[in-house]
Amino acid sequence: MKLDFKGRVAIVTGAGGGVGRQHALALAQRGAKVVVNDLGGARDGSGGSLSAAQSVVEEIRAAGGEAFANGASVTDFEAVLAMVQQTMDTWGRIDILVNNAGILRDKTFAKMDLADFRLVVDVHLMGAVHCCKAVWPHMTAQKYGRILMTTSSTGLSGNFGQTNYGAAKLALVGLMQTLSIEGSKYDIRVNALAPTAATRMTEGLMPEAVLAALKPEAVVPAMLVLVAQDAPTRTTLCAGAGHVEAAHITLTQGAWIGLDAQSPERLADQLQQVCDRTGEMVPHSGSDQGSHEVAKATAHLGVA
């Protein structure tokens, strides 16, 4: 099955370089019209220039594609609304949103300034929220939409010196979970991608030999599948160096500990059983946790 994006319109944020650039080029190569959004700042978010985004646009146009550059900061909701309106005025629809814009302000939590924590959350989480909010009415009206969140292994599993980045990146998974439920009746499918790639954001963080193997292009196939017409929804893929995995938030079978005064001690004694991953499941929604707990409790108590 060939993935074809002819007639589709895509907005890719943070598309001036690295993974975002590869996303924009790949979508355009397969027929999509692309808004190349990039503030053009340094990797810590300072500064700004449209030159990086414009360079990608020129690459797309030179290959026969359609694109325009936009320098809106995703932290500025009014600017994001203007970008979306410009897209609608130009092409009349928005089918795909790839939330890729991001910055780094790495330090240990003890040494981190709260302003740096807040800014990273503002760019990654609120930036995606702003973009989703701006495109949502257009996608619901046309009863079609594909939204991709860029999460991270740091959000999914943690990484030293990145409390701000990890908190923001896991929050995007939570955003994806509920948006996918709310968007289902409009055929809006929402997914997440955790890329492992050598970009300007990772310079100096990995050995050169490793960086060479982790080309940004290697994560593009996962992006294309997650925003395609036949895309899944509520799916988190992890990709790097030509390999792809799926990540899940799971629920173990657990243990019934009761409601009496000894339940804390009982939990302490049974914690290993509670954490045992045998028979774990992937909840379909948040209500599944409560349903699971009530079912286990009633079974234990013999309540019909």
Protein backbone atom coordinates (compact mmCIF):
# COMPACT_ATOMS: atom_id res chain seq x y z
CA MET A 1 0.00 0.00 0.00
CA LYS A 2 1.58 3.26 -1.14
CA LEU A 3 1.10 6.22 1.15
CA ASP A 4 -0.25 9.05 -0.97
CA PHE A 5 -0.89 12.59 0.27
CA LYS A 6 -2.08 14.22 -2.95
CA GLY A 7 -4.70 16.85 -2.21
CA ARG A 8 -3.82 16.97 1.48
CA VAL A 9 -2.67 20.10 3.29
CA ALA A 10 -0.18 19.78 6.14
CA ILE A 11 1.21 22.15 8.76
CA VAL A 12 4.56 21.11 10.21
CA THR A 13 5.90 23.16 13.11
CA GLY A 14 9.61 23.36 13.84
CA ALA A 15 10.17 22.42 10.20
CA GLY A 16 13.20 24.62 9.48
CA GLY A 17 15.71 21.87 10.24
CA GLY A 18 16.29 18.41 11.67
CA VAL A 19 13.35 16.03 11.97
CA GLY A 20 10.79 18.71 11.13
CA ARG A 21 12.51 19.52 7.85
CA GLN A 22 12.51 15.85 6.89
CA HIS A 23 8.82 15.60 7.76
CA ALA A 24 7.97 18.58 5.56
CA LEU A 25 10.06 17.33 2.63
CA ALA A 26 8.59 13.82 2.82
CA LEU A 27 4.98 15.03 2.94
CA ALA A 28 5.60 17.34 -0.01
CA GLN A 29 7.35 14.60 -1.98
CA ARG A 30 4.23 12.46 -1.61
CA GLY A 31 1.92 15.19 -2.82
CA ALA A 32 0.92 17.26 0.21
CA LYS A 33 0.86 21.03 0.22
CA VAL A 34 2.96 22.06 3.22
CA VAL A 35 3.10 24.99 5.61
CA VAL A 36 6.71 25.08 6.83
CA ASN A 37 6.51 26.72 10.23
CA ASP A 38 9.64 27.65 12.14
CA LEU A 39 10.46 30.50 14.48
CA GLY A 40 14.09 30.14 13.41
CA GLY A 41 15.52 30.52 16.90
CA ALA A 42 18.44 28.82 18.61
CA ARG A 43 17.86 25.41 20.19
CA ASP A 44 17.19 27.14 23.52
CA GLY A 45 14.43 29.15 21.86
CA SER A 46 16.24 32.49 21.67
CA GLY A 47 16.25 34.64 18.54
CA GLY A 48 14.23 34.13 15.40
CA SER A 49 14.49 34.18 11.61
CA LEU A 50 12.34 33.00 8.69
CA SER A 51 15.39 31.98 6.65
CA ALA A 52 15.44 28.33 7.79
CA ALA A 53 11.76 27.80 6.95
CA GLN A 54 12.11 29.62 3.64
CA SER A 55 15.05 27.41 2.70
CA VAL A 56 12.88 24.30 3.16
CA VAL A 57 10.11 25.89 1.12
CA GLU A 58 12.55 26.52 -1.70
CA GLU A 59 13.63 22.86 -1.59
CA ILE A 60 10.01 21.77 -1.86
CA ARG A 61 9.23 24.16 -4.70
CA ALA A 62 12.39 23.18 -6.58
CA ALA A 63 11.13 19.59 -6.52
CA GLY A 64 7.76 20.66 -7.93
CA GLY A 65 5.83 20.84 -4.68
CA GLU A 66 3.72 23.55 -3.07
CA ALA A 67 4.67 25.19 0.22
CA PHE A 68 4.93 28.47 2.06
CA ALA A 69 6.93 29.55 5.08
CA ASN A 70 5.53 30.84 8.34
CA GLY A 71 7.50 32.19 11.27
CA ALA A 72 4.84 32.15 13.99
CA SER A 73 5.94 31.18 17.48
CA VAL A 74 3.74 28.32 18.66
CA THR A 75 3.67 30.00 22.07
CA ASP A 76 1.67 32.90 20.54
CA PHE A 77 -1.90 31.70 20.03
CA GLU A 78 -2.90 34.74 17.97
CA ALA A 79 0.04 34.13 15.63
CA VAL A 80 -0.92 30.46 15.33
CA LEU A 81 -4.51 31.43 14.52
CA ALA A 82 -3.20 33.75 11.81
CA MET A 83 -1.06 30.92 10.37
CA VAL A 84 -4.07 28.62 10.25
CA GLN A 85 -6.20 31.31 8.61
CA GLN A 86 -3.45 31.93 6.05
CA THR A 87 -3.48 28.20 5.30
CA MET A 88 -7.25 28.16 4.87
CA ASP A 89 -7.13 31.27 2.66
CA THR A 90 -4.43 29.69 0.51
CA TRP A 91 -5.58 26.09 0.19
CA GLY A 92 -9.05 25.91 1.74
CA ARG A 93 -8.45 23.04 4.15
CA ILE A 94 -6.07 21.58 6.75
CA ASP A 95 -5.73 17.80 6.86
CA ILE A 96 -2.53 17.22 8.83
CA LEU A 97 -0.87 18.89 11.79
CA VAL A 98 2.57 17.72 12.85
CA ASN A 99 3.48 19.29 16.20
CA ASN A 100 7.27 19.21 16.08
CA ALA A 101 8.42 22.60 17.41
CA GLY A 102 10.59 22.36 20.50
CA ILE A 103 13.50 23.76 22.48
CA LEU A 104 15.90 22.51 25.13
CA ARG A 105 16.89 24.15 28.42
CA ASP A 106 18.68 21.24 30.09
CA LYS A 107 19.85 21.35 33.72
CA THR A 108 19.39 19.21 36.78
CA PHE A 109 16.19 20.02 38.63
CA ALA A 110 18.17 21.38 41.57
CA LYS A 111 19.93 23.93 39.35
CA MET A 112 17.10 24.70 36.93
CA ASP A 113 15.52 28.12 36.93
CA LEU A 114 11.72 27.88 36.99
CA ALA A 115 11.57 30.24 34.01
CA ASP A 116 13.44 27.62 31.96
CA PHE A 117 11.07 24.93 33.15
CA ARG A 118 8.04 27.03 32.25
CA LEU A 119 9.37 28.02 28.82
CA VAL A 120 10.03 24.42 27.75
CA VAL A 121 6.53 23.40 28.83
CA ASP A 122 5.13 26.46 27.05
CA VAL A 123 6.81 25.60 23.75
CA HIS A 124 6.29 21.84 23.69
CA LEU A 125 2.94 21.43 25.45
CA MET A 126 1.14 24.74 25.05
CA GLY A 127 2.58 25.17 21.56
CA ALA A 128 0.91 21.91 20.54
CA VAL A 129 -2.28 22.91 22.37
CA HIS A 130 -2.38 26.22 20.48
CA CYS A 131 -1.93 24.50 17.13
CA CYS A 132 -4.50 21.80 17.89
CA LYS A 133 -7.02 24.38 19.11
CA ALA A 134 -6.54 26.46 15.97
CA VAL A 135 -6.99 23.60 13.48
CA TRP A 136 -9.68 21.70 15.43
CA PRO A 137 -12.75 23.59 14.13
CA HIS A 138 -11.56 23.20 10.54
CA MET A 139 -10.93 19.49 10.96
CA THR A 140 -14.28 18.88 12.65
CA ALA A 141 -16.08 20.83 9.93
CA GLN A 142 -14.51 18.76 7.16
CA LYS A 143 -14.79 15.57 9.24
CA TYR A 144 -11.17 14.65 8.64
CA GLY A 145 -7.93 15.34 10.45
CA ARG A 146 -4.61 13.77 11.35
CA ILE A 147 -2.64 15.19 14.27
CA LEU A 148 0.78 14.05 15.40
CA MET A 149 2.40 14.91 18.73
CA THR A 150 6.16 14.68 19.00
CA THR A 151 6.82 13.02 22.32
CA SER A 152 10.18 11.68 23.49
CA SER A 153 11.89 8.77 25.20
CA THR A 154 12.62 11.32 27.94
CA GLY A 155 8.91 11.80 28.52
CA LEU A 156 8.18 8.09 28.30
CA SER A 157 11.14 6.87 30.37
CA GLY A 158 13.05 9.82 31.86
CA ASN A 159 16.50 11.27 31.23
CA PHE A 160 18.97 12.97 33.57
CA GLY A 161 18.88 16.76 33.42
CA GLN A 162 15.61 17.01 31.48
CA THR A 163 12.79 17.32 34.01
CA ASN A 164 11.21 20.21 32.07
CA TYR A 165 11.48 18.47 28.69
CA GLY A 166 10.30 15.12 30.06
CA ALA A 167 7.28 16.63 31.80
CA ALA A 168 6.22 18.46 28.65
CA LYS A 169 6.77 15.46 26.39
CA LEU A 170 4.73 13.03 28.49
CA ALA A 171 1.99 15.66 28.79
CA LEU A 172 1.70 15.51 25.00
CA VAL A 173 0.84 11.81 25.27
CA GLY A 174 -1.95 12.68 27.71
CA LEU A 175 -3.17 15.35 25.29
CA MET A 176 -3.12 12.78 22.47
CA GLN A 177 -5.09 10.22 24.50
CA THR A 178 -8.10 12.46 25.08
CA LEU A 179 -8.06 14.35 21.77
CA SER A 180 -8.19 11.02 19.96
CA ILE A 181 -11.32 10.08 21.90
CA GLU A 182 -13.00 13.45 21.33
CA GLY A 183 -12.01 13.51 17.66
CA SER A 184 -13.12 10.00 16.77
CA LYS A 185 -16.62 10.93 15.56
CA TYR A 186 -15.06 13.48 13.19
CA ASP A 187 -12.43 11.06 11.84
CA ILE A 188 -9.72 13.08 13.55
CA ARG A 189 -6.98 10.62 14.43
CA VAL A 190 -4.34 11.68 16.93
CA ASN A 191 -1.05 9.88 17.50
CA ALA A 192 2.39 10.43 19.00
CA LEU A 193 5.91 9.80 17.78
CA ALA A 194 9.03 9.51 19.94
CA PRO A 195 11.96 10.04 17.53
CA THR A 196 15.57 9.16 18.21
CA ALA A 197 17.53 11.27 15.76
CA ALA A 198 20.71 13.28 15.47
CA THR A 199 19.74 16.92 15.00
CA ARG A 200 20.84 20.34 16.16
CA MET A 201 18.93 19.56 19.37
CA THR A 202 21.16 16.55 20.12
CA GLU A 203 24.56 17.96 19.13
CA GLY A 204 27.08 17.24 21.85
CA LEU A 205 24.82 14.72 23.58
CA MET A 206 25.96 11.58 21.74
CA PRO A 207 29.21 10.21 20.22
CA GLU A 208 29.77 11.04 16.55
CA ALA A 209 29.48 7.40 15.43
CA VAL A 210 26.08 7.12 17.08
CA LEU A 211 24.94 10.43 15.64
CA ALA A 212 25.84 9.23 12.15
CA ALA A 213 23.54 6.23 12.50
CA LEU A 214 20.63 8.27 13.79
CA LYS A 215 19.70 10.21 10.66
CA PRO A 216 16.53 12.33 11.00
CA GLU A 217 15.24 10.68 7.82
CA ALA A 218 14.93 7.38 9.70
CA VAL A 219 11.92 8.57 11.73
CA VAL A 220 9.97 9.83 8.71
CA PRO A 221 8.28 6.50 7.83
CA ALA A 222 6.64 6.39 11.26
CA MET A 223 5.40 9.97 10.83
CA LEU A 224 3.92 9.20 7.41
CA VAL A 225 2.05 6.15 8.70
CA LEU A 226 0.69 8.06 11.71
CA VAL A 227 -0.76 10.91 9.59
CA ALA A 228 -1.90 8.85 6.58
CA GLN A 229 -5.54 8.36 5.58
CA ASP A 230 -5.49 4.86 7.08
CA ALA A 231 -3.58 5.95 10.20
CA PRO A 232 -4.31 4.36 13.57
CA THR A 233 -5.34 6.57 16.46
CA ARG A 234 -4.12 6.75 20.09
CA THR A 235 -0.88 5.10 18.99
CA THR A 236 2.59 6.02 20.21
CA LEU A 237 5.43 4.88 17.99
CA CYS A 238 9.12 5.15 18.81
CA ALA A 239 11.56 5.29 15.90
CA GLY A 240 15.27 5.61 15.28
CA ALA A 241 18.07 4.20 13.13
CA GLY A 242 15.59 2.31 10.96
CA HIS A 243 13.82 0.56 13.84
CA VAL A 244 10.29 1.21 15.13
CA GLU A 245 8.61 0.19 18.39
CA ALA A 246 5.25 0.93 20.01
CA ALA A 247 4.98 2.33 23.53
CA HIS A 248 1.97 1.73 25.79
CA ILE A 249 0.73 2.97 29.14
CA THR A 250 -0.46 -0.24 30.74
CA LEU A 251 -2.42 -1.40 33.76
CA THR A 252 -1.41 -4.50 35.70
CA GLN A 253 -3.92 -6.97 37.09
CA GLY A 254 -3.05 -5.71 40.58
CA ALA A 255 -4.30 -7.01 43.91
CA TRP A 256 -7.28 -6.40 46.18
CA ILE A 257 -6.07 -4.90 49.48
CA GLY A 258 -9.36 -4.08 51.15
CA LEU A 259 -10.65 -0.96 52.90
CA ASP A 260 -9.84 -1.69 56.53
CA ALA A 261 -7.18 -0.24 58.78
CA GLN A 262 -4.64 -2.84 57.66
CA SER A 263 -4.90 -2.05 53.92
CA PRO A 264 -1.70 0.09 53.86
CA GLU A 265 0.31 -2.76 55.37
CA ARG A 266 -1.41 -5.23 53.06
CA LEU A 267 -0.41 -3.11 50.06
CA ALA A 268 3.18 -2.93 51.28
CA ASP A 269 3.23 -6.72 51.57
CA GLN A 270 1.62 -7.25 48.15
CA LEU A 271 3.37 -4.48 46.22
CA GLN A 272 5.36 -6.97 44.16
CA GLN A 273 2.10 -8.62 43.06
CA VAL A 274 0.54 -5.22 42.29
CA CYS A 275 3.52 -4.39 40.06
CA ASP A 276 3.66 -7.83 38.38
CA ARG A 277 3.19 -7.23 34.65
CA THR A 278 1.76 -10.67 33.89
CA GLY A 279 -1.55 -10.16 32.13
CA GLU A 280 -1.20 -6.37 31.98
CA MET A 281 -3.57 -4.50 29.66
CA VAL A 282 -3.78 -1.27 27.69
CA PRO A 283 -6.84 0.71 28.85
CA HIS A 284 -9.07 2.10 26.09
CA SER A 285 -9.86 5.18 28.17
CA GLY A 286 -9.44 6.50 31.69
CA SER A 287 -12.71 4.93 32.79
CA ASP A 288 -11.20 1.48 32.23
CA GLN A 289 -9.14 1.86 35.40
CA GLY A 290 -12.21 2.36 37.56
CA SER A 291 -14.09 -0.43 35.79
CA HIS A 292 -11.17 -2.79 36.39
CA GLU A 293 -10.94 -1.89 40.08
CA VAL A 294 -14.68 -2.23 40.68
CA ALA A 295 -14.81 -5.57 38.86
CA LYS A 296 -11.91 -6.95 40.92
CA ALA A 297 -13.42 -5.67 44.17
CA THR A 298 -16.89 -7.11 43.50
CA ALA A 299 -15.40 -10.43 42.49
CA HIS A 300 -13.37 -10.54 45.70
CA LEU A 301 -16.37 -9.60 47.83
CA GLY A 302 -18.71 -11.95 46.00
CA VAL A 303 -21.06 -9.12 45.06
CA ALA A 304 -23.26 -9.85 42.03
